[in-house]
C-alpha cells in the first residue's frame, strides 16, 4: 500500500471510530456486526479480519466465533494496531502487522475473511486491488468465504446525487473538526466519491478466482456487502 495512505492512517487512530460513528449516525456499528454474522454462519473457527484498523469487526468476529476459535486482525498501520491492542478484547485476538497484498499466512488457512470499509484503501489501482483479492483467495480454505463491506454507488441517480452531496457537504468538514486531520478526510471524501459500484466490485472479486459472488445493498445502495466463496476443490 502507498506510503501516503499509510501516513494518513497513522494520524487518525484516536478519533477513527468516533468519526465513523458520527458520519454514519452509528449505522456502521450495525453494518460491521452484520458482516461478522455472515462470515461466521456455519463456518469453522479460523477467522481473519484484514485491514482491521482499530478492530471493531475483529471484535465482532470474536464474539461470534466457535468455542476455541481463532481470530486474527491484520493491518498495515502500526498506530492502528496499537490502538486495537488497548482494547480489553485484544488479548484474545492475534494482532498482525501485514500488508493486504502480501499476507504472512499459508495457503488454505482460514474459514472466513472479512474486510470492512477498507477496500477503497486497497483500490489505489485495479492491479493492487486484484493482488489483494487474490491473496484473500489464496489463504482461504476450500469452501471458505470472503465478506467485503464497503461504501458503494447507489443505483438510483437521485440517491447517488444526494449521497455525494452529503459526502461533500459534511464528511470532510465534520471529520476535520473531530480529527484535526484535513489531509486524511480529504482523501476519505474523494475515495468515497470515486469508488466503483457493487457490480464492478463483484466482477473484480470473481476475477481473483472466487467461484460465486453475491451482494446485498443497504441504505439504498450507499453500502454493499459482498459474499464470495472459494471453490470446494480450492480452485
C-alpha atoms as a PDB file:
ATOM      1  CA  UNK A   1       0.000   0.000   0.000  1.00  0.00           C
ATOM      2  CA  UNK A   2       1.265   3.509  -0.703  1.00  0.00           C
ATOM      3  CA  UNK A   3       3.281   5.467   1.841  1.00  0.00           C
ATOM      4  CA  UNK A   4       0.754   8.305   1.547  1.00  0.00           C
ATOM      5  CA  UNK A   5      -2.137   6.149   2.705  1.00  0.00           C
ATOM      6  CA  UNK A   6      -0.017   4.678   5.499  1.00  0.00           C
ATOM      7  CA  UNK A   7       0.765   8.218   6.693  1.00  0.00           C
ATOM      8  CA  UNK A   8      -2.926   9.144   6.596  1.00  0.00           C
ATOM      9  CA  UNK A   9      -3.878   6.240   8.848  1.00  0.00           C
ATOM     10  CA  UNK A  10      -1.060   6.998  11.245  1.00  0.00           C
ATOM     11  CA  UNK A  11      -2.783  10.319  12.016  1.00  0.00           C
ATOM     12  CA  UNK A  12      -6.300   9.189  12.873  1.00  0.00           C
ATOM     13  CA  UNK A  13      -6.387   6.164  15.259  1.00  0.00           C
ATOM     14  CA  UNK A  14      -7.527   8.159  18.302  1.00  0.00           C
ATOM     15  CA  UNK A  15     -10.645   9.537  16.593  1.00  0.00           C
ATOM     16  CA  UNK A  16     -11.158   6.965  13.818  1.00  0.00           C
ATOM     17  CA  UNK A  17     -14.107   5.146  15.362  1.00  0.00           C
ATOM     18  CA  UNK A  18     -15.814   8.330  16.572  1.00  0.00           C
ATOM     19  CA  UNK A  19     -15.639   9.892  13.109  1.00  0.00           C
ATOM     20  CA  UNK A  20     -17.137   6.761  11.527  1.00  0.00           C
ATOM     21  CA  UNK A  21     -19.959   6.609  14.064  1.00  0.00           C
ATOM     22  CA  UNK A  22     -20.816  10.285  13.696  1.00  0.00           C
ATOM     23  CA  UNK A  23     -20.756  10.337   9.903  1.00  0.00           C
ATOM     24  CA  UNK A  24     -22.926   7.207   9.595  1.00  0.00           C
ATOM     25  CA  UNK A  25     -25.216   8.074  12.528  1.00  0.00           C
ATOM     26  CA  UNK A  26     -23.992   4.880  14.198  1.00  0.00           C
ATOM     27  CA  UNK A  27     -25.070   2.638  11.334  1.00  0.00           C
ATOM     28  CA  UNK A  28     -21.509   1.471  10.699  1.00  0.00           C
ATOM     29  CA  UNK A  29     -21.686  -0.383  14.033  1.00  0.00           C
ATOM     30  CA  UNK A  30     -24.666  -2.401  12.809  1.00  0.00           C
ATOM     31  CA  UNK A  31     -23.118  -2.955   9.383  1.00  0.00           C
ATOM     32  CA  UNK A  32     -19.914  -4.368  10.881  1.00  0.00           C
ATOM     33  CA  UNK A  33     -21.935  -6.700  13.087  1.00  0.00           C
ATOM     34  CA  UNK A  34     -23.805  -7.886  10.013  1.00  0.00           C
ATOM     35  CA  UNK A  35     -20.572  -8.598   8.162  1.00  0.00           C
ATOM     36  CA  UNK A  36     -19.271 -10.617  11.108  1.00  0.00           C
ATOM     37  CA  UNK A  37     -22.515 -12.562  11.395  1.00  0.00           C
ATOM     38  CA  UNK A  38     -22.478 -13.508   7.709  1.00  0.00           C
ATOM     39  CA  UNK A  39     -18.828 -14.528   7.966  1.00  0.00           C
ATOM     40  CA  UNK A  40     -19.391 -16.842  10.921  1.00  0.00           C
ATOM     41  CA  UNK A  41     -22.650 -18.533   9.869  1.00  0.00           C
ATOM     42  CA  UNK A  42     -21.894 -22.236   9.656  1.00  0.00           C
ATOM     43  CA  UNK A  43     -18.151 -21.599   9.420  1.00  0.00           C
ATOM     44  CA  UNK A  44     -15.202 -23.113  11.192  1.00  0.00           C
ATOM     45  CA  UNK A  45     -13.095 -21.411  13.775  1.00  0.00           C
ATOM     46  CA  UNK A  46     -10.210 -19.719  11.948  1.00  0.00           C
ATOM     47  CA  UNK A  47     -11.181 -16.164  11.071  1.00  0.00           C
ATOM     48  CA  UNK A  48      -9.178 -13.284   9.594  1.00  0.00           C
ATOM     49  CA  UNK A  49     -10.142  -9.620   9.609  1.00  0.00           C
ATOM     50  CA  UNK A  50      -7.877  -7.882   7.117  1.00  0.00           C
ATOM     51  CA  UNK A  51      -7.248  -4.116   7.072  1.00  0.00           C
ATOM     52  CA  UNK A  52      -8.668  -4.381  10.565  1.00  0.00           C
ATOM     53  CA  UNK A  53      -7.873  -0.854  11.724  1.00  0.00           C
ATOM     54  CA  UNK A  54      -8.915  -0.446  15.348  1.00  0.00           C
ATOM     55  CA  UNK A  55     -10.512  -3.880  15.272  1.00  0.00           C
ATOM     56  CA  UNK A  56     -14.254  -3.305  15.502  1.00  0.00           C
ATOM     57  CA  UNK A  57     -15.067  -6.078  13.045  1.00  0.00           C
ATOM     58  CA  UNK A  58     -12.440  -8.394  14.543  1.00  0.00           C
ATOM     59  CA  UNK A  59     -14.068  -7.978  17.948  1.00  0.00           C
ATOM     60  CA  UNK A  60     -17.473  -8.796  16.438  1.00  0.00           C
ATOM     61  CA  UNK A  61     -15.945 -11.945  14.940  1.00  0.00           C
ATOM     62  CA  UNK A  62     -14.522 -12.856  18.332  1.00  0.00           C
ATOM     63  CA  UNK A  63     -17.947 -12.636  19.948  1.00  0.00           C
ATOM     64  CA  UNK A  64     -19.437 -14.911  17.282  1.00  0.00           C
ATOM     65  CA  UNK A  65     -16.585 -17.388  16.807  1.00  0.00           C
ATOM     66  CA  UNK A  66     -16.977 -21.013  17.774  1.00  0.00           C
ATOM     67  CA  UNK A  67     -15.592 -22.019  21.166  1.00  0.00           C
ATOM     68  CA  UNK A  68     -11.844 -22.089  20.929  1.00  0.00           C
ATOM     69  CA  UNK A  69     -11.942 -20.200  17.649  1.00  0.00           C
ATOM     70  CA  UNK A  70      -9.016 -18.114  16.471  1.00  0.00           C
ATOM     71  CA  UNK A  71      -9.471 -14.521  15.285  1.00  0.00           C
ATOM     72  CA  UNK A  72      -6.597 -12.706  13.633  1.00  0.00           C
ATOM     73  CA  UNK A  73      -6.631  -8.948  12.983  1.00  0.00           C
ATOM     74  CA  UNK A  74      -4.200  -7.833  10.281  1.00  0.00           C
ATOM     75  CA  UNK A  75      -3.416  -4.247   9.341  1.00  0.00           C
ATOM     76  CA  UNK A  76      -0.545  -2.398   7.694  1.00  0.00           C
ATOM     77  CA  UNK A  77      -0.711   0.544  10.107  1.00  0.00           C
ATOM     78  CA  UNK A  78       1.224   0.146  13.345  1.00  0.00           C
ATOM     79  CA  UNK A  79      -0.651   3.026  15.079  1.00  0.00           C
ATOM     80  CA  UNK A  80      -3.986   1.379  14.231  1.00  0.00           C
ATOM     81  CA  UNK A  81      -2.854  -1.987  15.570  1.00  0.00           C
ATOM     82  CA  UNK A  82      -1.563  -0.280  18.721  1.00  0.00           C
ATOM     83  CA  UNK A  83      -4.975   1.319  19.242  1.00  0.00           C
ATOM     84  CA  UNK A  84      -6.639  -2.080  18.893  1.00  0.00           C
ATOM     85  CA  UNK A  85      -4.146  -3.518  21.377  1.00  0.00           C
ATOM     86  CA  UNK A  86      -5.501  -1.139  24.046  1.00  0.00           C
ATOM     87  CA  UNK A  87      -8.944  -2.750  23.962  1.00  0.00           C
ATOM     88  CA  UNK A  88      -9.847  -5.379  26.588  1.00  0.00           C
ATOM     89  CA  UNK A  89     -10.708  -7.960  23.915  1.00  0.00           C
ATOM     90  CA  UNK A  90      -7.299  -7.631  22.275  1.00  0.00           C
ATOM     91  CA  UNK A  91      -5.709 -10.307  24.460  1.00  0.00           C
ATOM     92  CA  UNK A  92      -7.962 -12.863  22.738  1.00  0.00           C
ATOM     93  CA  UNK A  93      -7.173 -11.642  19.215  1.00  0.00           C
ATOM     94  CA  UNK A  94      -3.929 -12.319  17.375  1.00  0.00           C
ATOM     95  CA  UNK A  95      -2.630  -8.988  16.079  1.00  0.00           C
ATOM     96  CA  UNK A  96      -0.543  -8.972  12.922  1.00  0.00           C
ATOM     97  CA  UNK A  97       1.172  -6.106  11.133  1.00  0.00           C
ATOM     98  CA  UNK A  98       0.727  -7.056   7.478  1.00  0.00           C
ATOM     99  CA  UNK A  99       0.011  -5.623   4.054  1.00  0.00           C
ATOM    100  CA  UNK A 100      -3.148  -6.971   2.408  1.00  0.00           C
ATOM    101  CA  UNK A 101      -1.278  -7.682  -0.828  1.00  0.00           C
ATOM    102  CA  UNK A 102       1.241  -9.984   0.870  1.00  0.00           C
ATOM    103  CA  UNK A 103      -0.259 -11.823   3.808  1.00  0.00           C
ATOM    104  CA  UNK A 104       2.072 -13.846   6.059  1.00  0.00           C
ATOM    105  CA  UNK A 105      -0.138 -16.937   6.104  1.00  0.00           C
ATOM    106  CA  UNK A 106      -0.038 -20.314   4.396  1.00  0.00           C
ATOM    107  CA  UNK A 107      -2.407 -21.345   1.641  1.00  0.00           C
ATOM    108  CA  UNK A 108      -5.825 -22.661   2.745  1.00  0.00           C
ATOM    109  CA  UNK A 109      -5.603 -21.330   6.316  1.00  0.00           C
ATOM    110  CA  UNK A 110      -8.881 -19.527   7.092  1.00  0.00           C
ATOM    111  CA  UNK A 111     -12.553 -20.439   7.130  1.00  0.00           C
ATOM    112  CA  UNK A 112     -13.593 -16.810   6.585  1.00  0.00           C
ATOM    113  CA  UNK A 113     -12.026 -13.456   5.808  1.00  0.00           C
ATOM    114  CA  UNK A 114     -13.618 -10.050   6.348  1.00  0.00           C
ATOM    115  CA  UNK A 115     -12.733  -6.554   5.249  1.00  0.00           C
ATOM    116  CA  UNK A 116     -14.899  -3.633   6.356  1.00  0.00           C
ATOM    117  CA  UNK A 117     -14.744  -0.158   4.831  1.00  0.00           C
ATOM    118  CA  UNK A 118     -11.145  -0.593   3.725  1.00  0.00           C
ATOM    119  CA  UNK A 119     -11.491  -1.863   0.161  1.00  0.00           C
ATOM    120  CA  UNK A 120     -11.299   1.728  -1.047  1.00  0.00           C
ATOM    121  CA  UNK A 121      -7.855   1.888   0.545  1.00  0.00           C
ATOM    122  CA  UNK A 122      -6.577  -1.158  -1.361  1.00  0.00           C
ATOM    123  CA  UNK A 123      -8.006   0.269  -4.587  1.00  0.00           C
ATOM    124  CA  UNK A 124      -5.125   2.645  -5.281  1.00  0.00           C
ATOM    125  CA  UNK A 125      -5.093   0.787  -8.609  1.00  0.00           C
ATOM    126  CA  UNK A 126      -7.090  -2.082 -10.069  1.00  0.00           C
ATOM    127  CA  UNK A 127      -3.922  -4.155 -10.180  1.00  0.00           C
ATOM    128  CA  UNK A 128      -3.208  -3.661  -6.489  1.00  0.00           C
ATOM    129  CA  UNK A 129      -6.792  -4.469  -5.527  1.00  0.00           C
ATOM    130  CA  UNK A 130      -6.646  -7.621  -7.658  1.00  0.00           C
ATOM    131  CA  UNK A 131      -3.447  -8.690  -5.897  1.00  0.00           C
ATOM    132  CA  UNK A 132      -5.155  -8.260  -2.536  1.00  0.00           C
ATOM    133  CA  UNK A 133      -8.250 -10.217  -3.570  1.00  0.00           C
ATOM    134  CA  UNK A 134      -6.004 -12.973  -4.924  1.00  0.00           C
ATOM    135  CA  UNK A 135      -4.221 -13.093  -1.569  1.00  0.00           C
ATOM    136  CA  UNK A 136      -7.543 -13.428   0.237  1.00  0.00           C
ATOM    137  CA  UNK A 137      -8.451 -16.286  -2.105  1.00  0.00           C
ATOM    138  CA  UNK A 138      -5.080 -17.958  -1.509  1.00  0.00           C
ATOM    139  CA  UNK A 139      -5.275 -18.024   2.289  1.00  0.00           C
ATOM    140  CA  UNK A 140      -8.914 -19.151   2.426  1.00  0.00           C
ATOM    141  CA  UNK A 141      -9.666 -22.835   2.861  1.00  0.00           C
ATOM    142  CA  UNK A 142     -11.616 -24.531   0.047  1.00  0.00           C
ATOM    143  CA  UNK A 143     -15.262 -23.640   0.629  1.00  0.00           C
ATOM    144  CA  UNK A 144     -14.276 -20.633   2.744  1.00  0.00           C
ATOM    145  CA  UNK A 145     -15.961 -17.245   2.379  1.00  0.00           C
ATOM    146  CA  UNK A 146     -14.747 -13.715   1.877  1.00  0.00           C
ATOM    147  CA  UNK A 147     -17.027 -10.938   3.173  1.00  0.00           C
ATOM    148  CA  UNK A 148     -16.430  -7.459   1.785  1.00  0.00           C
ATOM    149  CA  UNK A 149     -18.311  -4.484   3.232  1.00  0.00           C
ATOM    150  CA  UNK A 150     -17.790  -1.106   1.655  1.00  0.00           C
ATOM    151  CA  UNK A 151     -19.449   2.086   0.525  1.00  0.00           C
ATOM    152  CA  UNK A 152     -20.854   1.868  -2.973  1.00  0.00           C
ATOM    153  CA  UNK A 153     -22.589   3.915  -5.652  1.00  0.00           C
ATOM    154  CA  UNK A 154     -26.390   3.804  -5.293  1.00  0.00           C
ATOM    155  CA  UNK A 155     -28.195   2.553  -8.426  1.00  0.00           C
ATOM    156  CA  UNK A 156     -30.693   5.424  -8.233  1.00  0.00           C
ATOM    157  CA  UNK A 157     -29.287   8.576  -9.816  1.00  0.00           C
ATOM    158  CA  UNK A 158     -31.227  10.719  -7.354  1.00  0.00           C
ATOM    159  CA  UNK A 159     -29.965   8.811  -4.294  1.00  0.00           C
ATOM    160  CA  UNK A 160     -26.426   8.848  -5.690  1.00  0.00           C
ATOM    161  CA  UNK A 161     -26.516  12.631  -6.113  1.00  0.00           C
ATOM    162  CA  UNK A 162     -27.932  13.054  -2.614  1.00  0.00           C
ATOM    163  CA  UNK A 163     -25.236  10.761  -1.204  1.00  0.00           C
ATOM    164  CA  UNK A 164     -22.463  12.645  -2.998  1.00  0.00           C
ATOM    165  CA  UNK A 165     -23.849  15.957  -1.769  1.00  0.00           C
ATOM    166  CA  UNK A 166     -23.776  14.655   1.814  1.00  0.00           C
ATOM    167  CA  UNK A 167     -20.197  13.433   1.410  1.00  0.00           C
ATOM    168  CA  UNK A 168     -19.028  16.785   0.019  1.00  0.00           C
ATOM    169  CA  UNK A 169     -21.014  18.927   2.437  1.00  0.00           C
ATOM    170  CA  UNK A 170     -20.482  17.014   5.671  1.00  0.00           C
ATOM    171  CA  UNK A 171     -17.905  14.214   5.580  1.00  0.00           C
ATOM    172  CA  UNK A 172     -14.779  16.324   5.140  1.00  0.00           C
ATOM    173  CA  UNK A 173     -15.820  19.306   7.325  1.00  0.00           C
ATOM    174  CA  UNK A 174     -17.167  17.185  10.189  1.00  0.00           C
ATOM    175  CA  UNK A 175     -14.221  14.800  10.111  1.00  0.00           C
ATOM    176  CA  UNK A 176     -11.793  17.730  10.105  1.00  0.00           C
ATOM    177  CA  UNK A 177     -13.401  19.153  13.237  1.00  0.00           C
ATOM    178  CA  UNK A 178     -13.352  15.836  15.095  1.00  0.00           C
ATOM    179  CA  UNK A 179      -9.970  14.513  13.993  1.00  0.00           C
ATOM    180  CA  UNK A 180      -7.996  17.616  13.104  1.00  0.00           C
ATOM    181  CA  UNK A 181      -6.568  15.793  10.089  1.00  0.00           C
ATOM    182  CA  UNK A 182      -7.540  17.667   6.923  1.00  0.00           C
ATOM    183  CA  UNK A 183      -5.493  15.526   4.550  1.00  0.00           C
ATOM    184  CA  UNK A 184      -6.913  12.265   5.885  1.00  0.00           C
ATOM    185  CA  UNK A 185     -10.527  13.138   5.320  1.00  0.00           C
ATOM    186  CA  UNK A 186      -9.957  14.922   2.049  1.00  0.00           C
ATOM    187  CA  UNK A 187      -8.658  11.548   0.929  1.00  0.00           C
ATOM    188  CA  UNK A 188     -11.658   9.799   2.527  1.00  0.00           C
ATOM    189  CA  UNK A 189     -14.112  12.076   0.723  1.00  0.00           C
ATOM    190  CA  UNK A 190     -12.501  11.516  -2.671  1.00  0.00           C
ATOM    191  CA  UNK A 191     -12.229   7.769  -2.189  1.00  0.00           C
ATOM    192  CA  UNK A 192     -15.959   7.518  -1.447  1.00  0.00           C
ATOM    193  CA  UNK A 193     -16.989   9.686  -4.380  1.00  0.00           C
ATOM    194  CA  UNK A 194     -14.809   7.848  -6.876  1.00  0.00           C
ATOM    195  CA  UNK A 195     -15.241   4.250  -5.752  1.00  0.00           C
ATOM    196  CA  UNK A 196     -16.850   1.690  -8.060  1.00  0.00           C
ATOM    197  CA  UNK A 197     -20.381   0.325  -7.844  1.00  0.00           C
ATOM    198  CA  UNK A 198     -21.328  -3.091  -6.470  1.00  0.00           C
ATOM    199  CA  UNK A 199     -21.450  -4.844  -9.853  1.00  0.00           C
ATOM    200  CA  UNK A 200     -17.964  -3.703 -10.805  1.00  0.00           C
ATOM    201  CA  UNK A 201     -16.575  -4.749  -7.448  1.00  0.00           C
ATOM    202  CA  UNK A 202     -18.237  -8.159  -7.773  1.00  0.00           C
ATOM    203  CA  UNK A 203     -16.519  -8.629 -11.147  1.00  0.00           C
ATOM    204  CA  UNK A 204     -13.165  -7.739  -9.586  1.00  0.00           C
ATOM    205  CA  UNK A 205     -13.680 -10.336  -6.836  1.00  0.00           C
ATOM    206  CA  UNK A 206     -14.647 -13.016  -9.395  1.00  0.00           C
ATOM    207  CA  UNK A 207     -11.504 -12.319 -11.384  1.00  0.00           C
ATOM    208  CA  UNK A 208      -9.460 -13.201  -8.291  1.00  0.00           C
ATOM    209  CA  UNK A 209     -10.744 -16.773  -8.557  1.00  0.00           C
ATOM    210  CA  UNK A 210     -13.815 -16.895  -6.333  1.00  0.00           C
ATOM    211  CA  UNK A 211     -16.421 -19.341  -7.621  1.00  0.00           C
ATOM    212  CA  UNK A 212     -19.520 -17.427  -6.514  1.00  0.00           C
ATOM    213  CA  UNK A 213     -20.007 -13.776  -5.622  1.00  0.00           C
ATOM    214  CA  UNK A 214     -23.276 -12.287  -4.384  1.00  0.00           C
ATOM    215  CA  UNK A 215     -24.010  -8.921  -2.818  1.00  0.00           C
ATOM    216  CA  UNK A 216     -26.702  -7.099  -0.881  1.00  0.00           C
ATOM    217  CA  UNK A 217     -27.257  -3.348  -0.987  1.00  0.00           C
ATOM    218  CA  UNK A 218     -28.024  -1.452   2.195  1.00  0.00           C
ATOM    219  CA  UNK A 219     -29.366   2.041   2.789  1.00  0.00           C
ATOM    220  CA  UNK A 220     -30.483   2.430  -0.845  1.00  0.00           C
ATOM    221  CA  UNK A 221     -27.143   1.136  -2.128  1.00  0.00           C
ATOM    222  CA  UNK A 222     -24.889   3.508  -0.210  1.00  0.00           C
ATOM    223  CA  UNK A 223     -23.249   0.427   1.298  1.00  0.00           C
ATOM    224  CA  UNK A 224     -22.781  -3.019  -0.237  1.00  0.00           C
ATOM    225  CA  UNK A 225     -21.828  -6.308   1.408  1.00  0.00           C
ATOM    226  CA  UNK A 226     -20.332  -8.890  -0.946  1.00  0.00           C
ATOM    227  CA  UNK A 227     -20.134 -12.583  -0.096  1.00  0.00           C
ATOM    228  CA  UNK A 228     -17.649 -14.596  -2.155  1.00  0.00           C
ATOM    229  CA  UNK A 229     -16.881 -18.292  -1.844  1.00  0.00           C
ATOM    230  CA  UNK A 230     -13.759 -20.221  -2.710  1.00  0.00           C
ATOM    231  CA  UNK A 231     -14.462 -23.375  -4.684  1.00  0.00           C
ATOM    232  CA  UNK A 232     -14.704 -26.522  -2.527  1.00  0.00           C
ATOM    233  CA  UNK A 233     -11.871 -28.007  -4.573  1.00  0.00           C
ATOM    234  CA  UNK A 234      -9.748 -24.949  -3.863  1.00  0.00           C
ATOM    235  CA  UNK A 235      -9.787 -23.775  -7.464  1.00  0.00           C
END
